[in-house]
Amino acid sequence: HPQSAHIAQGVDASGNKDEGAGDQGIMFGYATDE
């Protein structure tokens, strides 16, 4: 079904506002020479 309009307004770029993250959160990346 359609995306929430309230989420859309936070994510979409508009005027002087750059595109925002689609949600809050923490993300990790990892690498090892194993």
Full PDB file with SEQRES, HELIX, SHEET, SSBOND, CRYST1, ORIGX, SCALE, CONECT and MASTER records, all heavy atoms in Angstrom:
SEQRES   1 A   34  HIS PRO GLN SER ALA HIS ILE ALA GLN GLY VAL ASP ALA          
SEQRES   2 A   34  SER GLY ASN LYS ASP GLU GLY ALA GLY ASP GLN GLY ILE          
SEQRES   3 A   34  MET PHE GLY TYR ALA THR ASP GLU                              
HELIX    1 AA1 ALA A    5  VAL A   11  1                                   7    
CRYST1    1.000    1.000    1.000  90.00  90.00  90.00 P 1           1          
ORIGX1      1.000000  0.000000  0.000000        0.00000                         
ORIGX2      0.000000  1.000000  0.000000        0.00000                         
ORIGX3      0.000000  0.000000  1.000000        0.00000                         
SCALE1      1.000000  0.000000  0.000000        0.00000                         
SCALE2      0.000000  1.000000  0.000000        0.00000                         
SCALE3      0.000000  0.000000  1.000000        0.00000                         
ATOM      1  N   HIS A   1       0.842  -1.191   0.000  1.00  0.00           N  
ATOM      2  CA  HIS A   1       0.000   0.000   0.000  1.00  0.00           C  
ATOM      3  C   HIS A   1       0.884   1.250   0.000  1.00  0.00           C  
ATOM      4  O   HIS A   1       2.108   1.149   0.129  1.00  0.00           O  
ATOM      5  CB  HIS A   1      -0.943  -0.004   1.206  1.00  0.00           C  
ATOM      6  CG  HIS A   1      -0.245  -0.074   2.531  1.00  0.00           C  
ATOM      7  ND1 HIS A   1       0.129  -1.267   3.112  1.00  0.00           N  
ATOM      8  CD2 HIS A   1       0.160   0.894   3.392  1.00  0.00           C  
ATOM      9  CE1 HIS A   1       0.724  -1.039   4.265  1.00  0.00           C  
ATOM     10  NE2 HIS A   1       0.765   0.267   4.464  1.00  0.00           N  
ATOM     11  N   PRO A   2       0.301   2.451  -0.159  1.00  0.00           N  
ATOM     12  CA  PRO A   2       1.117   3.665  -0.317  1.00  0.00           C  
ATOM     13  C   PRO A   2       1.956   3.994   0.920  1.00  0.00           C  
ATOM     14  O   PRO A   2       1.542   3.777   2.057  1.00  0.00           O  
ATOM     15  CB  PRO A   2       0.085   4.760  -0.580  1.00  0.00           C  
ATOM     16  CG  PRO A   2      -1.111   4.054  -1.087  1.00  0.00           C  
ATOM     17  CD  PRO A   2      -1.131   2.738  -0.377  1.00  0.00           C  
ATOM     18  N   GLN A   3       3.128   4.574   0.665  1.00  0.00           N  
ATOM     19  CA  GLN A   3       4.009   5.025   1.737  1.00  0.00           C  
ATOM     20  C   GLN A   3       3.352   6.158   2.518  1.00  0.00           C  
ATOM     21  O   GLN A   3       2.639   6.997   1.955  1.00  0.00           O  
ATOM     22  CB  GLN A   3       5.338   5.519   1.165  1.00  0.00           C  
ATOM     23  CG  GLN A   3       6.346   5.955   2.219  1.00  0.00           C  
ATOM     24  CD  GLN A   3       7.600   6.572   1.610  1.00  0.00           C  
ATOM     25  OE1 GLN A   3       7.512   7.433   0.735  1.00  0.00           O  
ATOM     26  NE2 GLN A   3       8.765   6.139   2.069  1.00  0.00           N  
ATOM     27  N   SER A   4       3.595   6.183   3.816  1.00  0.00           N  
ATOM     28  CA  SER A   4       3.088   7.258   4.669  1.00  0.00           C  
ATOM     29  C   SER A   4       3.557   8.617   4.161  1.00  0.00           C  
ATOM     30  O   SER A   4       4.745   8.822   3.890  1.00  0.00           O  
ATOM     31  CB  SER A   4       3.591   7.052   6.099  1.00  0.00           C  
ATOM     32  OG  SER A   4       3.549   8.250   6.840  1.00  0.00           O  
ATOM     33  N   ALA A   5       2.630   9.559   4.075  1.00  0.00           N  
ATOM     34  CA  ALA A   5       2.980  10.916   3.642  1.00  0.00           C  
ATOM     35  C   ALA A   5       3.920  11.587   4.636  1.00  0.00           C  
ATOM     36  O   ALA A   5       4.750  12.424   4.260  1.00  0.00           O  
ATOM     37  CB  ALA A   5       1.709  11.743   3.474  1.00  0.00           C  
ATOM     38  N   HIS A   6       3.819  11.230   5.900  1.00  0.00           N  
ATOM     39  CA  HIS A   6       4.677  11.839   6.920  1.00  0.00           C  
ATOM     40  C   HIS A   6       6.111  11.332   6.806  1.00  0.00           C  
ATOM     41  O   HIS A   6       7.063  12.085   7.062  1.00  0.00           O  
ATOM     42  CB  HIS A   6       4.115  11.558   8.313  1.00  0.00           C  
ATOM     43  CG  HIS A   6       2.823  12.260   8.577  1.00  0.00           C  
ATOM     44  ND1 HIS A   6       2.051  12.029   9.691  1.00  0.00           N  
ATOM     45  CD2 HIS A   6       2.159  13.196   7.844  1.00  0.00           C  
ATOM     46  CE1 HIS A   6       0.977  12.792   9.648  1.00  0.00           C  
ATOM     47  NE2 HIS A   6       1.012  13.505   8.535  1.00  0.00           N  
ATOM     48  N   ILE A   7       6.277  10.066   6.455  1.00  0.00           N  
ATOM     49  CA  ILE A   7       7.627   9.562   6.187  1.00  0.00           C  
ATOM     50  C   ILE A   7       8.175  10.205   4.923  1.00  0.00           C  
ATOM     51  O   ILE A   7       9.328  10.648   4.872  1.00  0.00           O  
ATOM     52  CB  ILE A   7       7.626   8.026   6.061  1.00  0.00           C  
ATOM     53  CG1 ILE A   7       7.326   7.391   7.421  1.00  0.00           C  
ATOM     54  CG2 ILE A   7       8.956   7.523   5.514  1.00  0.00           C  
ATOM     55  CD1 ILE A   7       7.218   5.879   7.384  1.00  0.00           C  
ATOM     56  N   ALA A   8       7.335  10.307   3.902  1.00  0.00           N  
ATOM     57  CA  ALA A   8       7.774  10.858   2.620  1.00  0.00           C  
ATOM     58  C   ALA A   8       8.294  12.283   2.769  1.00  0.00           C  
ATOM     59  O   ALA A   8       9.305  12.655   2.167  1.00  0.00           O  
ATOM     60  CB  ALA A   8       6.633  10.805   1.608  1.00  0.00           C  
ATOM     61  N   GLN A   9       7.624  13.101   3.586  1.00  0.00           N  
ATOM     62  CA  GLN A   9       8.034  14.506   3.708  1.00  0.00           C  
ATOM     63  C   GLN A   9       9.391  14.637   4.393  1.00  0.00           C  
ATOM     64  O   GLN A   9      10.108  15.614   4.187  1.00  0.00           O  
ATOM     65  CB  GLN A   9       6.972  15.312   4.448  1.00  0.00           C  
ATOM     66  CG  GLN A   9       6.886  15.034   5.948  1.00  0.00           C  
ATOM     67  CD  GLN A   9       5.770  15.828   6.620  1.00  0.00           C  
ATOM     68  OE1 GLN A   9       4.906  16.400   5.952  1.00  0.00           O  
ATOM     69  NE2 GLN A   9       5.786  15.858   7.943  1.00  0.00           N  
ATOM     70  N   GLY A  10       9.749  13.661   5.210  1.00  0.00           N  
ATOM     71  CA  GLY A  10      11.049  13.702   5.863  1.00  0.00           C  
ATOM     72  C   GLY A  10      12.167  13.228   4.960  1.00  0.00           C  
ATOM     73  O   GLY A  10      13.305  13.687   5.073  1.00  0.00           O  
ATOM     74  N   VAL A  11      11.847  12.314   4.063  1.00  0.00           N  
ATOM     75  CA  VAL A  11      12.871  11.710   3.210  1.00  0.00           C  
ATOM     76  C   VAL A  11      13.117  12.525   1.950  1.00  0.00           C  
ATOM     77  O   VAL A  11      14.251  12.693   1.507  1.00  0.00           O  
ATOM     78  CB  VAL A  11      12.477  10.264   2.838  1.00  0.00           C  
ATOM     79  CG1 VAL A  11      13.492   9.649   1.874  1.00  0.00           C  
ATOM     80  CG2 VAL A  11      12.355   9.410   4.090  1.00  0.00           C  
ATOM     81  N   ASP A  12      12.072  13.072   1.354  1.00  0.00           N  
ATOM     82  CA  ASP A  12      12.197  13.746   0.068  1.00  0.00           C  
ATOM     83  C   ASP A  12      12.962  15.058   0.185  1.00  0.00           C  
ATOM     84  O   ASP A  12      12.838  15.782   1.179  1.00  0.00           O  
ATOM     85  CB  ASP A  12      10.815  14.041  -0.518  1.00  0.00           C  
ATOM     86  CG  ASP A  12      10.072  12.782  -0.927  1.00  0.00           C  
ATOM     87  OD1 ASP A  12      10.709  11.714  -0.967  1.00  0.00           O  
ATOM     88  OD2 ASP A  12       8.862  12.869  -1.187  1.00  0.00           O  
ATOM     89  N   ALA A  13      13.744  15.358  -0.848  1.00  0.00           N  
ATOM     90  CA  ALA A  13      14.381  16.666  -0.955  1.00  0.00           C  
ATOM     91  C   ALA A  13      13.333  17.691  -1.379  1.00  0.00           C  
ATOM     92  O   ALA A  13      12.452  17.407  -2.189  1.00  0.00           O  
ATOM     93  CB  ALA A  13      15.515  16.616  -1.984  1.00  0.00           C  
ATOM     94  N   SER A  14      13.423  18.903  -0.816  1.00  0.00           N  
ATOM     95  CA  SER A  14      12.496  19.967  -1.199  1.00  0.00           C  
ATOM     96  C   SER A  14      13.096  21.306  -0.815  1.00  0.00           C  
ATOM     97  O   SER A  14      13.667  21.451   0.273  1.00  0.00           O  
ATOM     98  CB  SER A  14      11.139  19.784  -0.499  1.00  0.00           C  
ATOM     99  OG  SER A  14      11.282  19.838   0.891  1.00  0.00           O  
ATOM    100  N   GLY A  15      12.976  22.289  -1.719  1.00  0.00           N  
ATOM    101  CA  GLY A  15      13.528  23.607  -1.433  1.00  0.00           C  
ATOM    102  C   GLY A  15      15.012  23.518  -1.119  1.00  0.00           C  
ATOM    103  O   GLY A  15      15.801  22.986  -1.890  1.00  0.00           O  
ATOM    104  N   ASN A  16      15.404  24.035   0.047  1.00  0.00           N  
ATOM    105  CA  ASN A  16      16.803  23.982   0.476  1.00  0.00           C  
ATOM    106  C   ASN A  16      17.124  22.723   1.284  1.00  0.00           C  
ATOM    107  O   ASN A  16      18.235  22.571   1.786  1.00  0.00           O  
ATOM    108  CB  ASN A  16      17.139  25.220   1.328  1.00  0.00           C  
ATOM    109  CG  ASN A  16      17.096  26.487   0.503  1.00  0.00           C  
ATOM    110  OD1 ASN A  16      17.466  26.481  -0.664  1.00  0.00           O  
ATOM    111  ND2 ASN A  16      16.633  27.575   1.118  1.00  0.00           N  
ATOM    112  N   LYS A  17      16.131  21.842   1.430  1.00  0.00           N  
ATOM    113  CA  LYS A  17      16.310  20.632   2.231  1.00  0.00           C  
ATOM    114  C   LYS A  17      16.835  19.492   1.367  1.00  0.00           C  
ATOM    115  O   LYS A  17      16.229  19.140   0.359  1.00  0.00           O  
ATOM    116  CB  LYS A  17      14.987  20.222   2.877  1.00  0.00           C  
ATOM    117  CG  LYS A  17      15.051  18.905   3.657  1.00  0.00           C  
ATOM    118  CD  LYS A  17      13.674  18.497   4.130  1.00  0.00           C  
ATOM    119  CE  LYS A  17      13.688  17.106   4.752  1.00  0.00           C  
ATOM    120  NZ  LYS A  17      14.109  16.063   3.801  1.00  0.00           N  
ATOM    121  N   ASP A  18      17.970  18.907   1.762  1.00  0.00           N  
ATOM    122  CA  ASP A  18      18.498  17.741   1.059  1.00  0.00           C  
ATOM    123  C   ASP A  18      17.685  16.516   1.442  1.00  0.00           C  
ATOM    124  O   ASP A  18      16.964  16.504   2.444  1.00  0.00           O  
ATOM    125  CB  ASP A  18      19.973  17.531   1.419  1.00  0.00           C  
ATOM    126  CG  ASP A  18      20.665  16.539   0.493  1.00  0.00           C  
ATOM    127  OD1 ASP A  18      20.068  16.155  -0.529  1.00  0.00           O  
ATOM    128  OD2 ASP A  18      21.814  16.161   0.794  1.00  0.00           O  
ATOM    129  N   GLU A  19      17.811  15.491   0.637  1.00  0.00           N  
ATOM    130  CA  GLU A  19      17.143  14.230   0.930  1.00  0.00           C  
ATOM    131  C   GLU A  19      17.578  13.705   2.295  1.00  0.00           C  
ATOM    132  O   GLU A  19      18.768  13.645   2.606  1.00  0.00           O  
ATOM    133  CB  GLU A  19      17.509  13.224  -0.161  1.00  0.00           C  
ATOM    134  CG  GLU A  19      17.027  11.821   0.064  1.00  0.00           C  
ATOM    135  CD  GLU A  19      17.601  10.901  -0.989  1.00  0.00           C  
ATOM    136  OE1 GLU A  19      17.294  11.096  -2.179  1.00  0.00           O  
ATOM    137  OE2 GLU A  19      18.376  10.005  -0.629  1.00  0.00           O  
ATOM    138  N   GLY A  20      16.607  13.351   3.128  1.00  0.00           N  
ATOM    139  CA  GLY A  20      16.908  12.855   4.462  1.00  0.00           C  
ATOM    140  C   GLY A  20      16.976  11.345   4.521  1.00  0.00           C  
ATOM    141  O   GLY A  20      16.545  10.643   3.595  1.00  0.00           O  
ATOM    142  N   ALA A  21      17.527  10.833   5.625  1.00  0.00           N  
ATOM    143  CA  ALA A  21      17.567   9.396   5.834  1.00  0.00           C  
ATOM    144  C   ALA A  21      16.150   8.859   5.986  1.00  0.00           C  
ATOM    145  O   ALA A  21      15.269   9.515   6.553  1.00  0.00           O  
ATOM    146  CB  ALA A  21      18.393   9.057   7.073  1.00  0.00           C  
ATOM    147  N   GLY A  22      15.935   7.638   5.497  1.00  0.00           N  
ATOM    148  CA  GLY A  22      14.613   7.031   5.542  1.00  0.00           C  
ATOM    149  C   GLY A  22      14.202   6.554   6.914  1.00  0.00           C  
ATOM    150  O   GLY A  22      13.037   6.214   7.135  1.00  0.00           O  
ATOM    151  N   ASP A  23      15.122   6.537   7.847  1.00  0.00           N  
ATOM    152  CA  ASP A  23      14.810   6.160   9.217  1.00  0.00           C  
ATOM    153  C   ASP A  23      16.018   6.496  10.082  1.00  0.00           C  
ATOM    154  O   ASP A  23      17.109   6.751   9.575  1.00  0.00           O  
ATOM    155  CB  ASP A  23      14.497   4.664   9.316  1.00  0.00           C  
ATOM    156  CG  ASP A  23      13.703   4.301  10.574  1.00  0.00           C  
ATOM    157  OD1 ASP A  23      13.512   5.191  11.435  1.00  0.00           O  
ATOM    158  OD2 ASP A  23      13.277   3.146  10.686  1.00  0.00           O  
ATOM    159  N   GLN A  24      15.819   6.507  11.397  1.00  0.00           N  
ATOM    160  CA  GLN A  24      16.967   6.617  12.288  1.00  0.00           C  
ATOM    161  C   GLN A  24      17.626   5.250  12.393  1.00  0.00           C  
ATOM    162  O   GLN A  24      17.062   4.229  12.009  1.00  0.00           O  
ATOM    163  CB  GLN A  24      16.523   7.065  13.670  1.00  0.00           C  
ATOM    164  CG  GLN A  24      15.778   5.994  14.472  1.00  0.00           C  
ATOM    165  CD  GLN A  24      15.494   6.453  15.884  1.00  0.00           C  
ATOM    166  OE1 GLN A  24      14.997   7.571  16.087  1.00  0.00           O  
ATOM    167  NE2 GLN A  24      15.797   5.621  16.860  1.00  0.00           N  
ATOM    168  N   GLY A  25      18.844   5.216  12.934  1.00  0.00           N  
ATOM    169  CA  GLY A  25      19.473   3.932  13.162  1.00  0.00           C  
ATOM    170  C   GLY A  25      20.976   4.015  13.170  1.00  0.00           C  
ATOM    171  O   GLY A  25      21.582   5.051  12.842  1.00  0.00           O  
ATOM    172  N   ILE A  26      21.581   2.896  13.586  1.00  0.00           N  
ATOM    173  CA  ILE A  26      23.031   2.746  13.558  1.00  0.00           C  
ATOM    174  C   ILE A  26      23.372   1.590  12.637  1.00  0.00           C  
ATOM    175  O   ILE A  26      22.671   0.579  12.599  1.00  0.00           O  
ATOM    176  CB  ILE A  26      23.606   2.518  14.969  1.00  0.00           C  
ATOM    177  CG1 ILE A  26      22.964   1.303  15.640  1.00  0.00           C  
ATOM    178  CG2 ILE A  26      23.430   3.762  15.819  1.00  0.00           C  
ATOM    179  CD1 ILE A  26      23.572   0.934  16.978  1.00  0.00           C  
ATOM    180  N   MET A  27      24.423   1.768  11.863  1.00  0.00           N  
ATOM    181  CA  MET A  27      24.841   0.768  10.888  1.00  0.00           C  
ATOM    182  C   MET A  27      26.325   0.497  11.051  1.00  0.00           C  
ATOM    183  O   MET A  27      27.109   1.410  11.315  1.00  0.00           O  
ATOM    184  CB  MET A  27      24.574   1.252   9.452  1.00  0.00           C  
ATOM    185  CG  MET A  27      23.116   1.496   9.158  1.00  0.00           C  
ATOM    186  SD  MET A  27      22.627   3.156   9.720  1.00  0.00           S  
ATOM    187  CE  MET A  27      20.859   2.891   9.933  1.00  0.00           C  
ATOM    188  N   PHE A  28      26.699  -0.761  10.877  1.00  0.00           N  
ATOM    189  CA  PHE A  28      28.085  -1.171  11.025  1.00  0.00           C  
ATOM    190  C   PHE A  28      28.620  -1.783   9.738  1.00  0.00           C  
ATOM    191  O   PHE A  28      27.893  -2.457   9.001  1.00  0.00           O  
ATOM    192  CB  PHE A  28      28.229  -2.208  12.147  1.00  0.00           C  
ATOM    193  CG  PHE A  28      28.020  -1.651  13.522  1.00  0.00           C  
ATOM    194  CD1 PHE A  28      26.766  -1.676  14.119  1.00  0.00           C  
ATOM    195  CD2 PHE A  28      29.077  -1.088  14.225  1.00  0.00           C  
ATOM    196  CE1 PHE A  28      26.567  -1.172  15.394  1.00  0.00           C  
ATOM    197  CE2 PHE A  28      28.888  -0.575  15.500  1.00  0.00           C  
ATOM    198  CZ  PHE A  28      27.633  -0.612  16.082  1.00  0.00           C  
ATOM    199  N   GLY A  29      29.901  -1.555   9.498  1.00  0.00           N  
ATOM    200  CA  GLY A  29      30.630  -2.251   8.448  1.00  0.00           C  
ATOM    201  C   GLY A  29      31.880  -2.868   9.035  1.00  0.00           C  
ATOM    202  O   GLY A  29      32.406  -2.391  10.055  1.00  0.00           O  
ATOM    203  N   TYR A  30      32.370  -3.924   8.391  1.00  0.00           N  
ATOM    204  CA  TYR A  30      33.504  -4.656   8.955  1.00  0.00           C  
ATOM    205  C   TYR A  30      34.317  -5.267   7.829  1.00  0.00           C  
ATOM    206  O   TYR A  30      33.791  -5.614   6.764  1.00  0.00           O  
ATOM    207  CB  TYR A  30      32.989  -5.761   9.882  1.00  0.00           C  
ATOM    208  CG  TYR A  30      34.061  -6.584  10.560  1.00  0.00           C  
ATOM    209  CD1 TYR A  30      34.839  -6.065  11.585  1.00  0.00           C  
ATOM    210  CD2 TYR A  30      34.275  -7.910  10.179  1.00  0.00           C  
ATOM    211  CE1 TYR A  30      35.809  -6.831  12.226  1.00  0.00           C  
ATOM    212  CE2 TYR A  30      35.238  -8.690  10.804  1.00  0.00           C  
ATOM    213  CZ  TYR A  30      36.008  -8.144  11.827  1.00  0.00           C  
ATOM    214  OH  TYR A  30      36.961  -8.910  12.449  1.00  0.00           O  
ATOM    215  N   ALA A  31      35.605  -5.410   8.075  1.00  0.00           N  
ATOM    216  CA  ALA A  31      36.488  -6.140   7.162  1.00  0.00           C  
ATOM    217  C   ALA A  31      37.648  -6.707   7.959  1.00  0.00           C  
ATOM    218  O   ALA A  31      38.063  -6.127   8.973  1.00  0.00           O  
ATOM    219  CB  ALA A  31      36.997  -5.237   6.040  1.00  0.00           C  
ATOM    220  N   THR A  32      38.148  -7.841   7.518  1.00  0.00           N  
ATOM    221  CA  THR A  32      39.291  -8.490   8.157  1.00  0.00           C  
ATOM    222  C   THR A  32      40.106  -9.191   7.078  1.00  0.00           C  
ATOM    223  O   THR A  32      39.553  -9.631   6.055  1.00  0.00           O  
ATOM    224  CB  THR A  32      38.836  -9.516   9.208  1.00  0.00           C  
ATOM    225  OG1 THR A  32      39.962 -10.258   9.680  1.00  0.00           O  
ATOM    226  CG2 THR A  32      37.810 -10.479   8.643  1.00  0.00           C  
ATOM    227  N   ASP A  33      41.402  -9.309   7.312  1.00  0.00           N  
ATOM    228  CA  ASP A  33      42.255  -9.957   6.315  1.00  0.00           C  
ATOM    229  C   ASP A  33      42.346 -11.477   6.511  1.00  0.00           C  
ATOM    230  O   ASP A  33      43.248 -12.125   5.995  1.00  0.00           O  
ATOM    231  CB  ASP A  33      43.655  -9.334   6.312  1.00  0.00           C  
ATOM    232  CG  ASP A  33      44.421  -9.576   7.608  1.00  0.00           C  
ATOM    233  OD1 ASP A  33      43.846 -10.158   8.558  1.00  0.00           O  
ATOM    234  OD2 ASP A  33      45.605  -9.174   7.683  1.00  0.00           O  
ATOM    235  N   GLU A  34      41.364 -12.072   7.216  1.00  0.00           N  
ATOM    236  CA  GLU A  34      41.360 -13.519   7.416  1.00  0.00           C  
ATOM    237  C   GLU A  34      41.204 -14.288   6.108  1.00  0.00           C  
ATOM    238  O   GLU A  34      41.652 -15.427   5.994  1.00  0.00           O  
ATOM    239  CB  GLU A  34      40.212 -13.920   8.358  1.00  0.00           C  
ATOM    240  CG  GLU A  34      40.412 -13.510   9.798  1.00  0.00           C  
ATOM    241  CD  GLU A  34      39.183 -13.797  10.651  1.00  0.00           C  
ATOM    242  OE1 GLU A  34      38.298 -14.568  10.204  1.00  0.00           O  
ATOM    243  OE2 GLU A  34      39.106 -13.260  11.766  1.00  0.00           O  
TER     244      GLU A  34                                                      
MASTER        0    0    0    1    0    0    0    6  243    1    0    3          
END                                                                             
